[in-house]
Amino acid sequence: MTDQPRSPGPPHPARPAPPALPPSGPGPDGGHRVRLLSYNIRSLRDDRRALARVVRACAPDVVCVQESPRYWRPGGQAAWLARHTGTEILAGGGRVAAGPLLLGRPGLDVLAVRDRLLPKTRGLHARGFATAVLRAGGGAPFSVTSCHLSLDPAERYTQFELLPGQIAPGEHGVIAGDFNEHPDGPGWQLLAGRFQDGHPTAPWGGTFTSVPDNPYQRIDAVFATPGVRVLACGVPHGLPGVGEADLRAATDHLPVLAVLEIPAAGEDGPAPDG
């Protein structure tokens, strides 16, 4: 679903600005609000400066990247992206994660890294998960996983089954990425039965993430464990500083932006199934 040819398409009509997002920072109940962006960047093969402008305008605390460059100076290119978006590399981006990458604003505490290389079907791409356990402000520790699942249905379903295992029992967690499946697919339904699907839980902005020239399908999403409060989630059309021209030039996906409230430290979440 990510290898479709791109076409210029007709010009987009002006979109109304979405409602204002809750700010990052301390929440009213002692927790901490985190702004998380998930974005497939197609190995920085498009307009990387447009991409950096989109990320900066979204002002994320955490960025879940998919298709971080893997084959030519991957470390240097990940460092370029971090430098131009005002973030730091938290996890992933190497041979183990096989493409997914986690970036974060300076000041986030990284408590652990759980990158994982997935079992590979002969003839298909190597894939992995980039996972870090983080703490922000007075919030409880929470894990974040960035993933980019297979185009092969059987392999993809196995990867869906492995995702809950990136979250430890009793831990708050977020899983975000390019799932290469629609919400009515079996793997997506498996995940949505255990976690909150961010956009239908707290709709904000746009729904469809592919393709930027003519968005018609939702294959990118943010999921959260039940103890995390989803305040807003969607494609940031009309967010101040996010231009439609930049969204179309940056890569072959649209980003998903979510605001999540992590409970206060000491408030454990329910253990994920699986």
C-alpha atoms as a PDB file:
ATOM      1  CA  MET A   1       0.000   0.000   0.000  1.00  0.00           C
ATOM      2  CA  THR A   2       3.006   2.291   0.206  1.00  0.00           C
ATOM      3  CA  ASP A   3       4.435   1.590  -3.250  1.00  0.00           C
ATOM      4  CA  GLN A   4       1.789   3.394  -5.305  1.00  0.00           C
ATOM      5  CA  PRO A   5       2.951   5.882  -7.944  1.00  0.00           C
ATOM      6  CA  ARG A   6       2.493   9.500  -6.971  1.00  0.00           C
ATOM      7  CA  SER A   7       0.716  11.989  -9.197  1.00  0.00           C
ATOM      8  CA  PRO A   8       0.366  15.765  -8.908  1.00  0.00           C
ATOM      9  CA  GLY A   9      -3.428  15.571  -8.561  1.00  0.00           C
ATOM     10  CA  PRO A  10      -5.773  18.536  -8.494  1.00  0.00           C
ATOM     11  CA  PRO A  11      -5.056  21.418  -6.124  1.00  0.00           C
ATOM     12  CA  HIS A  12      -6.575  20.957  -2.686  1.00  0.00           C
ATOM     13  CA  PRO A  13      -9.343  23.302  -1.607  1.00  0.00           C
ATOM     14  CA  ALA A  14      -8.642  25.354   1.492  1.00  0.00           C
ATOM     15  CA  ARG A  15      -9.317  23.328   4.642  1.00  0.00           C
ATOM     16  CA  PRO A  16     -10.783  24.841   7.799  1.00  0.00           C
ATOM     17  CA  ALA A  17      -8.436  25.053  10.737  1.00  0.00           C
ATOM     18  CA  PRO A  18      -8.993  22.248  13.261  1.00  0.00           C
ATOM     19  CA  PRO A  19      -9.821  23.035  16.903  1.00  0.00           C
ATOM     20  CA  ALA A  20      -6.875  24.124  18.992  1.00  0.00           C
ATOM     21  CA  LEU A  21      -4.901  21.261  20.509  1.00  0.00           C
ATOM     22  CA  PRO A  22      -4.384  20.978  24.262  1.00  0.00           C
ATOM     23  CA  PRO A  23      -0.834  22.043  25.106  1.00  0.00           C
ATOM     24  CA  SER A  24       1.893  19.656  26.130  1.00  0.00           C
ATOM     25  CA  GLY A  25       2.911  19.717  29.768  1.00  0.00           C
ATOM     26  CA  PRO A  26       1.413  19.010  33.197  1.00  0.00           C
ATOM     27  CA  GLY A  27      -2.185  17.820  33.162  1.00  0.00           C
ATOM     28  CA  PRO A  28      -4.878  18.851  35.639  1.00  0.00           C
ATOM     29  CA  ASP A  29      -4.760  15.552  37.555  1.00  0.00           C
ATOM     30  CA  GLY A  30      -1.015  15.263  38.094  1.00  0.00           C
ATOM     31  CA  GLY A  31      -0.267  13.458  34.842  1.00  0.00           C
ATOM     32  CA  HIS A  32       1.569  14.806  31.817  1.00  0.00           C
ATOM     33  CA  ARG A  33       0.299  15.641  28.333  1.00  0.00           C
ATOM     34  CA  VAL A  34       2.466  14.474  25.458  1.00  0.00           C
ATOM     35  CA  ARG A  35       2.168  15.460  21.805  1.00  0.00           C
ATOM     36  CA  LEU A  36       3.092  12.492  19.608  1.00  0.00           C
ATOM     37  CA  LEU A  37       3.576  12.507  15.827  1.00  0.00           C
ATOM     38  CA  SER A  38       3.679   9.382  13.642  1.00  0.00           C
ATOM     39  CA  TYR A  39       5.123   9.828  10.139  1.00  0.00           C
ATOM     40  CA  ASN A  40       6.298   7.580   7.300  1.00  0.00           C
ATOM     41  CA  ILE A  41       9.099   9.640   5.722  1.00  0.00           C
ATOM     42  CA  ARG A  42       9.904   7.372   2.732  1.00  0.00           C
ATOM     43  CA  SER A  43      13.631   7.307   3.501  1.00  0.00           C
ATOM     44  CA  LEU A  44      13.885  11.104   3.049  1.00  0.00           C
ATOM     45  CA  ARG A  45      13.608  10.633  -0.727  1.00  0.00           C
ATOM     46  CA  ASP A  46      11.223  13.562  -1.232  1.00  0.00           C
ATOM     47  CA  ASP A  47      11.448  17.188  -0.079  1.00  0.00           C
ATOM     48  CA  ARG A  48      13.200  16.731   3.241  1.00  0.00           C
ATOM     49  CA  ARG A  49      13.048  20.414   4.124  1.00  0.00           C
ATOM     50  CA  ALA A  50       9.269  20.402   3.639  1.00  0.00           C
ATOM     51  CA  LEU A  51       9.185  17.333   5.890  1.00  0.00           C
ATOM     52  CA  ALA A  52      11.201  19.104   8.580  1.00  0.00           C
ATOM     53  CA  ARG A  53       8.867  22.114   8.416  1.00  0.00           C
ATOM     54  CA  VAL A  54       5.839  19.869   8.927  1.00  0.00           C
ATOM     55  CA  VAL A  55       7.417  18.138  11.931  1.00  0.00           C
ATOM     56  CA  ARG A  56       8.496  21.414  13.553  1.00  0.00           C
ATOM     57  CA  ALA A  57       5.048  22.961  13.061  1.00  0.00           C
ATOM     58  CA  CYS A  58       3.447  19.985  14.823  1.00  0.00           C
ATOM     59  CA  ALA A  59       5.710  20.684  17.845  1.00  0.00           C
ATOM     60  CA  PRO A  60       5.875  17.022  18.935  1.00  0.00           C
ATOM     61  CA  ASP A  61       7.360  15.720  22.156  1.00  0.00           C
ATOM     62  CA  VAL A  62       7.853  12.308  20.506  1.00  0.00           C
ATOM     63  CA  VAL A  63       8.110  11.408  16.804  1.00  0.00           C
ATOM     64  CA  CYS A  64       7.449   7.838  15.640  1.00  0.00           C
ATOM     65  CA  VAL A  65       9.212   7.623  12.284  1.00  0.00           C
ATOM     66  CA  GLN A  66       8.708   4.887   9.717  1.00  0.00           C
ATOM     67  CA  GLU A  67      11.025   4.269   6.754  1.00  0.00           C
ATOM     68  CA  SER A  68      13.980   6.026   8.285  1.00  0.00           C
ATOM     69  CA  PRO A  69      16.884   5.663   5.802  1.00  0.00           C
ATOM     70  CA  ARG A  70      18.558   2.266   6.210  1.00  0.00           C
ATOM     71  CA  TYR A  71      21.042   1.789   3.383  1.00  0.00           C
ATOM     72  CA  TRP A  72      23.077   4.950   2.896  1.00  0.00           C
ATOM     73  CA  ARG A  73      24.561   6.623   5.981  1.00  0.00           C
ATOM     74  CA  PRO A  74      21.518   5.776   8.142  1.00  0.00           C
ATOM     75  CA  GLY A  75      23.033   7.245  11.293  1.00  0.00           C
ATOM     76  CA  GLY A  76      23.959  10.494   9.576  1.00  0.00           C
ATOM     77  CA  GLN A  77      20.552  10.876   7.968  1.00  0.00           C
ATOM     78  CA  ALA A  78      18.740  10.196  11.241  1.00  0.00           C
ATOM     79  CA  ALA A  79      20.973  12.804  12.864  1.00  0.00           C
ATOM     80  CA  TRP A  80      20.091  15.283  10.073  1.00  0.00           C
ATOM     81  CA  LEU A  81      16.396  14.737  10.727  1.00  0.00           C
ATOM     82  CA  ALA A  82      16.803  15.172  14.474  1.00  0.00           C
ATOM     83  CA  ARG A  83      18.894  18.323  14.047  1.00  0.00           C
ATOM     84  CA  HIS A  84      16.420  19.947  11.636  1.00  0.00           C
ATOM     85  CA  THR A  85      13.373  19.110  13.739  1.00  0.00           C
ATOM     86  CA  GLY A  86      14.756  20.144  17.135  1.00  0.00           C
ATOM     87  CA  THR A  87      14.706  16.582  18.481  1.00  0.00           C
ATOM     88  CA  GLU A  88      17.088  13.885  19.653  1.00  0.00           C
ATOM     89  CA  ILE A  89      17.364  10.220  18.650  1.00  0.00           C
ATOM     90  CA  LEU A  90      15.748   8.040  21.327  1.00  0.00           C
ATOM     91  CA  ALA A  91      15.696   4.540  19.793  1.00  0.00           C
ATOM     92  CA  GLY A  92      15.603   2.600  16.551  1.00  0.00           C
ATOM     93  CA  GLY A  93      16.930   3.614  13.188  1.00  0.00           C
ATOM     94  CA  GLY A  94      19.521   0.840  13.119  1.00  0.00           C
ATOM     95  CA  ARG A  95      19.762  -2.724  11.896  1.00  0.00           C
ATOM     96  CA  VAL A  96      17.620  -4.140  14.709  1.00  0.00           C
ATOM     97  CA  ALA A  97      14.618  -1.835  14.280  1.00  0.00           C
ATOM     98  CA  ALA A  98      15.055  -2.046  10.466  1.00  0.00           C
ATOM     99  CA  GLY A  99      13.511   1.312   9.594  1.00  0.00           C
ATOM    100  CA  PRO A 100      11.379   2.579  12.492  1.00  0.00           C
ATOM    101  CA  LEU A 101      12.980   5.373  14.522  1.00  0.00           C
ATOM    102  CA  LEU A 102      11.996   7.305  17.641  1.00  0.00           C
ATOM    103  CA  LEU A 103      12.858  10.971  18.066  1.00  0.00           C
ATOM    104  CA  GLY A 104      12.026  13.141  21.054  1.00  0.00           C
ATOM    105  CA  ARG A 105      12.369  16.637  22.398  1.00  0.00           C
ATOM    106  CA  PRO A 106      15.344  17.317  24.674  1.00  0.00           C
ATOM    107  CA  GLY A 107      14.544  16.660  28.310  1.00  0.00           C
ATOM    108  CA  LEU A 108      12.580  13.420  27.945  1.00  0.00           C
ATOM    109  CA  ASP A 109      13.943  10.673  30.181  1.00  0.00           C
ATOM    110  CA  VAL A 110      14.751   7.440  28.319  1.00  0.00           C
ATOM    111  CA  LEU A 111      14.451   4.622  30.858  1.00  0.00           C
ATOM    112  CA  ALA A 112      14.916   1.656  28.505  1.00  0.00           C
ATOM    113  CA  VAL A 113      15.167   0.705  24.826  1.00  0.00           C
ATOM    114  CA  ARG A 114      13.440  -2.426  23.447  1.00  0.00           C
ATOM    115  CA  ASP A 115      14.191  -2.448  19.718  1.00  0.00           C
ATOM    116  CA  ARG A 116      13.276  -5.739  18.084  1.00  0.00           C
ATOM    117  CA  LEU A 117      14.098  -7.351  14.727  1.00  0.00           C
ATOM    118  CA  LEU A 118      11.112  -9.375  13.524  1.00  0.00           C
ATOM    119  CA  PRO A 119      11.061 -12.845  11.952  1.00  0.00           C
ATOM    120  CA  LYS A 120      11.489 -12.429   8.209  1.00  0.00           C
ATOM    121  CA  THR A 121       9.721 -14.194   5.352  1.00  0.00           C
ATOM    122  CA  ARG A 122      12.133 -15.157   2.587  1.00  0.00           C
ATOM    123  CA  GLY A 123      12.051 -12.609  -0.228  1.00  0.00           C
ATOM    124  CA  LEU A 124      10.401  -9.867   1.840  1.00  0.00           C
ATOM    125  CA  HIS A 125      11.900  -6.816   3.556  1.00  0.00           C
ATOM    126  CA  ALA A 126      13.386  -7.091   7.029  1.00  0.00           C
ATOM    127  CA  ARG A 127      11.201  -5.244   9.532  1.00  0.00           C
ATOM    128  CA  GLY A 128      11.396  -4.385  13.203  1.00  0.00           C
ATOM    129  CA  PHE A 129      10.000  -2.352  16.075  1.00  0.00           C
ATOM    130  CA  ALA A 130      11.616   0.711  17.665  1.00  0.00           C
ATOM    131  CA  THR A 131      10.558   0.956  21.301  1.00  0.00           C
ATOM    132  CA  ALA A 132      11.629   3.185  24.182  1.00  0.00           C
ATOM    133  CA  VAL A 133      10.312   3.521  27.722  1.00  0.00           C
ATOM    134  CA  LEU A 134      10.027   7.229  28.497  1.00  0.00           C
ATOM    135  CA  ARG A 135       9.128   9.569  31.316  1.00  0.00           C
ATOM    136  CA  ALA A 136       7.882  13.133  30.834  1.00  0.00           C
ATOM    137  CA  GLY A 137       7.467  15.539  33.740  1.00  0.00           C
ATOM    138  CA  GLY A 138       5.450  14.080  36.598  1.00  0.00           C
ATOM    139  CA  GLY A 139       3.830  11.411  34.451  1.00  0.00           C
ATOM    140  CA  ALA A 140       4.257   7.694  34.891  1.00  0.00           C
ATOM    141  CA  PRO A 141       6.725   5.827  32.672  1.00  0.00           C
ATOM    142  CA  PHE A 142       5.234   4.849  29.311  1.00  0.00           C
ATOM    143  CA  SER A 143       6.503   2.922  26.322  1.00  0.00           C
ATOM    144  CA  VAL A 144       6.331   4.137  22.733  1.00  0.00           C
ATOM    145  CA  THR A 145       6.667   1.786  19.763  1.00  0.00           C
ATOM    146  CA  SER A 146       7.089   2.840  16.134  1.00  0.00           C
ATOM    147  CA  CYS A 147       6.299   0.174  13.549  1.00  0.00           C
ATOM    148  CA  HIS A 148       5.947  -0.331   9.790  1.00  0.00           C
ATOM    149  CA  LEU A 149       4.180  -3.593   9.048  1.00  0.00           C
ATOM    150  CA  SER A 150       4.483  -5.921   6.087  1.00  0.00           C
ATOM    151  CA  LEU A 151       2.653  -5.696   2.768  1.00  0.00           C
ATOM    152  CA  ASP A 152       2.179  -9.488   2.922  1.00  0.00           C
ATOM    153  CA  PRO A 153      -1.104 -10.265   4.771  1.00  0.00           C
ATOM    154  CA  ALA A 154       0.106 -13.400   6.585  1.00  0.00           C
ATOM    155  CA  GLU A 155       3.382 -11.860   7.732  1.00  0.00           C
ATOM    156  CA  ARG A 156       1.584  -8.642   8.675  1.00  0.00           C
ATOM    157  CA  TYR A 157      -0.906 -10.468  10.912  1.00  0.00           C
ATOM    158  CA  THR A 158       1.965 -12.155  12.762  1.00  0.00           C
ATOM    159  CA  GLN A 159       3.518  -8.736  13.308  1.00  0.00           C
ATOM    160  CA  PHE A 160       0.223  -7.384  14.657  1.00  0.00           C
ATOM    161  CA  GLU A 161       0.202 -10.294  17.126  1.00  0.00           C
ATOM    162  CA  LEU A 162       3.716  -9.396  18.334  1.00  0.00           C
ATOM    163  CA  LEU A 163       3.031  -5.697  18.936  1.00  0.00           C
ATOM    164  CA  PRO A 164       1.339  -6.000  22.361  1.00  0.00           C
ATOM    165  CA  GLY A 165       4.448  -7.766  23.631  1.00  0.00           C
ATOM    166  CA  GLN A 166       6.407  -4.517  23.314  1.00  0.00           C
ATOM    167  CA  ILE A 167       4.418  -3.217  26.300  1.00  0.00           C
ATOM    168  CA  ALA A 168       5.271  -4.716  29.691  1.00  0.00           C
ATOM    169  CA  PRO A 169       2.478  -5.887  32.015  1.00  0.00           C
ATOM    170  CA  GLY A 170       1.087  -2.968  34.002  1.00  0.00           C
ATOM    171  CA  GLU A 171       2.792  -0.397  31.765  1.00  0.00           C
ATOM    172  CA  HIS A 172       1.196   2.496  29.927  1.00  0.00           C
ATOM    173  CA  GLY A 173       2.015   2.293  26.242  1.00  0.00           C
ATOM    174  CA  VAL A 174       1.568   3.781  22.782  1.00  0.00           C
ATOM    175  CA  ILE A 175       1.932   1.987  19.436  1.00  0.00           C
ATOM    176  CA  ALA A 176       2.074   4.139  16.309  1.00  0.00           C
ATOM    177  CA  GLY A 177       2.971   3.574  12.713  1.00  0.00           C
ATOM    178  CA  ASP A 178       2.190   2.586   9.167  1.00  0.00           C
ATOM    179  CA  PHE A 179       0.161  -0.610   9.479  1.00  0.00           C
ATOM    180  CA  ASN A 180      -0.345  -1.216   5.730  1.00  0.00           C
ATOM    181  CA  GLU A 181      -3.888  -2.321   6.550  1.00  0.00           C
ATOM    182  CA  HIS A 182      -7.318  -0.702   6.742  1.00  0.00           C
ATOM    183  CA  PRO A 183      -9.288  -0.457  10.016  1.00  0.00           C
ATOM    184  CA  ASP A 184     -11.549  -3.360   8.999  1.00  0.00           C
ATOM    185  CA  GLY A 185      -8.564  -5.714   8.512  1.00  0.00           C
ATOM    186  CA  PRO A 186      -8.018  -8.648  10.886  1.00  0.00           C
ATOM    187  CA  GLY A 187      -4.753  -7.387  12.369  1.00  0.00           C
ATOM    188  CA  TRP A 188      -6.054  -3.862  12.892  1.00  0.00           C
ATOM    189  CA  GLN A 189      -9.174  -5.290  14.551  1.00  0.00           C
ATOM    190  CA  LEU A 190      -6.982  -7.427  16.823  1.00  0.00           C
ATOM    191  CA  LEU A 191      -5.086  -4.331  17.986  1.00  0.00           C
ATOM    192  CA  ALA A 192      -8.207  -2.167  18.273  1.00  0.00           C
ATOM    193  CA  GLY A 193      -9.779  -4.819  20.515  1.00  0.00           C
ATOM    194  CA  ARG A 194      -6.968  -4.384  23.049  1.00  0.00           C
ATOM    195  CA  PHE A 195      -6.031  -0.709  22.726  1.00  0.00           C
ATOM    196  CA  GLN A 196      -7.662   2.617  21.987  1.00  0.00           C
ATOM    197  CA  ASP A 197      -7.540   3.572  18.292  1.00  0.00           C
ATOM    198  CA  GLY A 198      -6.684   7.253  18.667  1.00  0.00           C
ATOM    199  CA  HIS A 199      -8.590   8.899  15.823  1.00  0.00           C
ATOM    200  CA  PRO A 200     -12.044   7.391  16.439  1.00  0.00           C
ATOM    201  CA  THR A 201     -11.492   7.767  20.206  1.00  0.00           C
ATOM    202  CA  ALA A 202     -10.824  11.526  20.027  1.00  0.00           C
ATOM    203  CA  PRO A 203     -11.370  12.691  16.417  1.00  0.00           C
ATOM    204  CA  TRP A 204      -9.404  15.772  15.396  1.00  0.00           C
ATOM    205  CA  GLY A 205      -8.067  16.975  12.040  1.00  0.00           C
ATOM    206  CA  GLY A 206      -8.200  14.676   9.033  1.00  0.00           C
ATOM    207  CA  THR A 207      -8.863  10.942   8.834  1.00  0.00           C
ATOM    208  CA  PHE A 208      -7.142   9.577   5.716  1.00  0.00           C
ATOM    209  CA  THR A 209      -3.346   9.263   5.620  1.00  0.00           C
ATOM    210  CA  SER A 210      -2.640   7.964   2.109  1.00  0.00           C
ATOM    211  CA  VAL A 211      -1.895   9.328  -0.389  1.00  0.00           C
ATOM    212  CA  PRO A 212      -1.150  13.044   0.152  1.00  0.00           C
ATOM    213  CA  ASP A 213      -2.271  14.050  -3.348  1.00  0.00           C
ATOM    214  CA  ASN A 214      -5.664  12.386  -2.891  1.00  0.00           C
ATOM    215  CA  PRO A 215      -6.159  11.000   0.642  1.00  0.00           C
ATOM    216  CA  TYR A 216      -8.595   8.084   0.504  1.00  0.00           C
ATOM    217  CA  GLN A 217      -7.466   5.482   3.045  1.00  0.00           C
ATOM    218  CA  ARG A 218      -6.381   5.280   6.685  1.00  0.00           C
ATOM    219  CA  ILE A 219      -3.395   2.969   7.066  1.00  0.00           C
ATOM    220  CA  ASP A 220      -1.465   4.993   9.690  1.00  0.00           C
ATOM    221  CA  ALA A 221      -2.627   5.283  13.284  1.00  0.00           C
ATOM    222  CA  VAL A 222      -1.831   5.816  16.956  1.00  0.00           C
ATOM    223  CA  PHE A 223      -3.007   3.252  19.530  1.00  0.00           C
ATOM    224  CA  ALA A 224      -2.838   3.671  23.318  1.00  0.00           C
ATOM    225  CA  THR A 225      -3.390   1.445  26.347  1.00  0.00           C
ATOM    226  CA  PRO A 226      -6.628   2.051  28.265  1.00  0.00           C
ATOM    227  CA  GLY A 227      -4.969   4.053  31.050  1.00  0.00           C
ATOM    228  CA  VAL A 228      -3.722   6.719  28.626  1.00  0.00           C
ATOM    229  CA  ARG A 229      -6.246   9.476  27.918  1.00  0.00           C
ATOM    230  CA  VAL A 230      -6.445  10.320  24.203  1.00  0.00           C
ATOM    231  CA  LEU A 231      -7.306  14.039  23.952  1.00  0.00           C
ATOM    232  CA  ALA A 232      -7.020  14.489  20.167  1.00  0.00           C
ATOM    233  CA  CYS A 233      -5.754  12.490  17.189  1.00  0.00           C
ATOM    234  CA  GLY A 234      -5.734  12.976  13.420  1.00  0.00           C
ATOM    235  CA  VAL A 235      -3.972  14.351  10.351  1.00  0.00           C
ATOM    236  CA  PRO A 236      -2.905  17.958  11.084  1.00  0.00           C
ATOM    237  CA  HIS A 237      -4.570  19.660   8.102  1.00  0.00           C
ATOM    238  CA  GLY A 238      -4.888  23.359   8.862  1.00  0.00           C
ATOM    239  CA  LEU A 239      -2.656  23.319  11.935  1.00  0.00           C
ATOM    240  CA  PRO A 240      -0.819  26.654  12.016  1.00  0.00           C
ATOM    241  CA  GLY A 241       2.454  26.288  10.118  1.00  0.00           C
ATOM    242  CA  VAL A 242       1.470  23.024   8.400  1.00  0.00           C
ATOM    243  CA  GLY A 243       1.026  23.913   4.730  1.00  0.00           C
ATOM    244  CA  GLU A 244      -0.803  21.662   2.287  1.00  0.00           C
ATOM    245  CA  ALA A 245       2.025  22.132  -0.221  1.00  0.00           C
ATOM    246  CA  ASP A 246       4.531  20.873   2.346  1.00  0.00           C
ATOM    247  CA  LEU A 247       2.334  17.887   3.223  1.00  0.00           C
ATOM    248  CA  ARG A 248       2.188  16.893  -0.438  1.00  0.00           C
ATOM    249  CA  ALA A 249       5.901  17.430  -1.060  1.00  0.00           C
ATOM    250  CA  ALA A 250       7.333  15.875   2.098  1.00  0.00           C
ATOM    251  CA  THR A 251       6.644  12.150   1.576  1.00  0.00           C
ATOM    252  CA  ASP A 252       4.010   9.684   0.346  1.00  0.00           C
ATOM    253  CA  HIS A 253       2.039   9.566   3.632  1.00  0.00           C
ATOM    254  CA  LEU A 254       0.291  12.144   5.773  1.00  0.00           C
ATOM    255  CA  PRO A 255       1.306  12.338   9.429  1.00  0.00           C
ATOM    256  CA  VAL A 256      -0.879  11.514  12.409  1.00  0.00           C
ATOM    257  CA  LEU A 257      -0.668  13.885  15.386  1.00  0.00           C
ATOM    258  CA  ALA A 258      -2.027  12.912  18.820  1.00  0.00           C
ATOM    259  CA  VAL A 259      -2.194  14.557  22.222  1.00  0.00           C
ATOM    260  CA  LEU A 260      -2.075  11.951  24.990  1.00  0.00           C
ATOM    261  CA  GLU A 261      -2.360  12.406  28.737  1.00  0.00           C
ATOM    262  CA  ILE A 262      -0.108  10.005  30.635  1.00  0.00           C
ATOM    263  CA  PRO A 263      -1.343   9.384  34.190  1.00  0.00           C
ATOM    264  CA  ALA A 264       0.619  10.551  37.192  1.00  0.00           C
ATOM    265  CA  ALA A 265       3.583   8.528  38.406  1.00  0.00           C
ATOM    266  CA  GLY A 266       2.466   5.586  40.489  1.00  0.00           C
ATOM    267  CA  GLU A 267      -0.712   4.953  38.494  1.00  0.00           C
ATOM    268  CA  ASP A 268      -0.144   1.631  36.762  1.00  0.00           C
ATOM    269  CA  GLY A 269      -2.051   0.752  33.621  1.00  0.00           C
ATOM    270  CA  PRO A 270      -3.830  -2.518  32.878  1.00  0.00           C
ATOM    271  CA  ALA A 271      -1.702  -5.249  31.379  1.00  0.00           C
ATOM    272  CA  PRO A 272      -2.171  -5.624  27.616  1.00  0.00           C
ATOM    273  CA  ASP A 273      -3.608  -8.904  26.355  1.00  0.00           C
ATOM    274  CA  GLY A 274      -1.311 -11.253  24.515  1.00  0.00           C
END
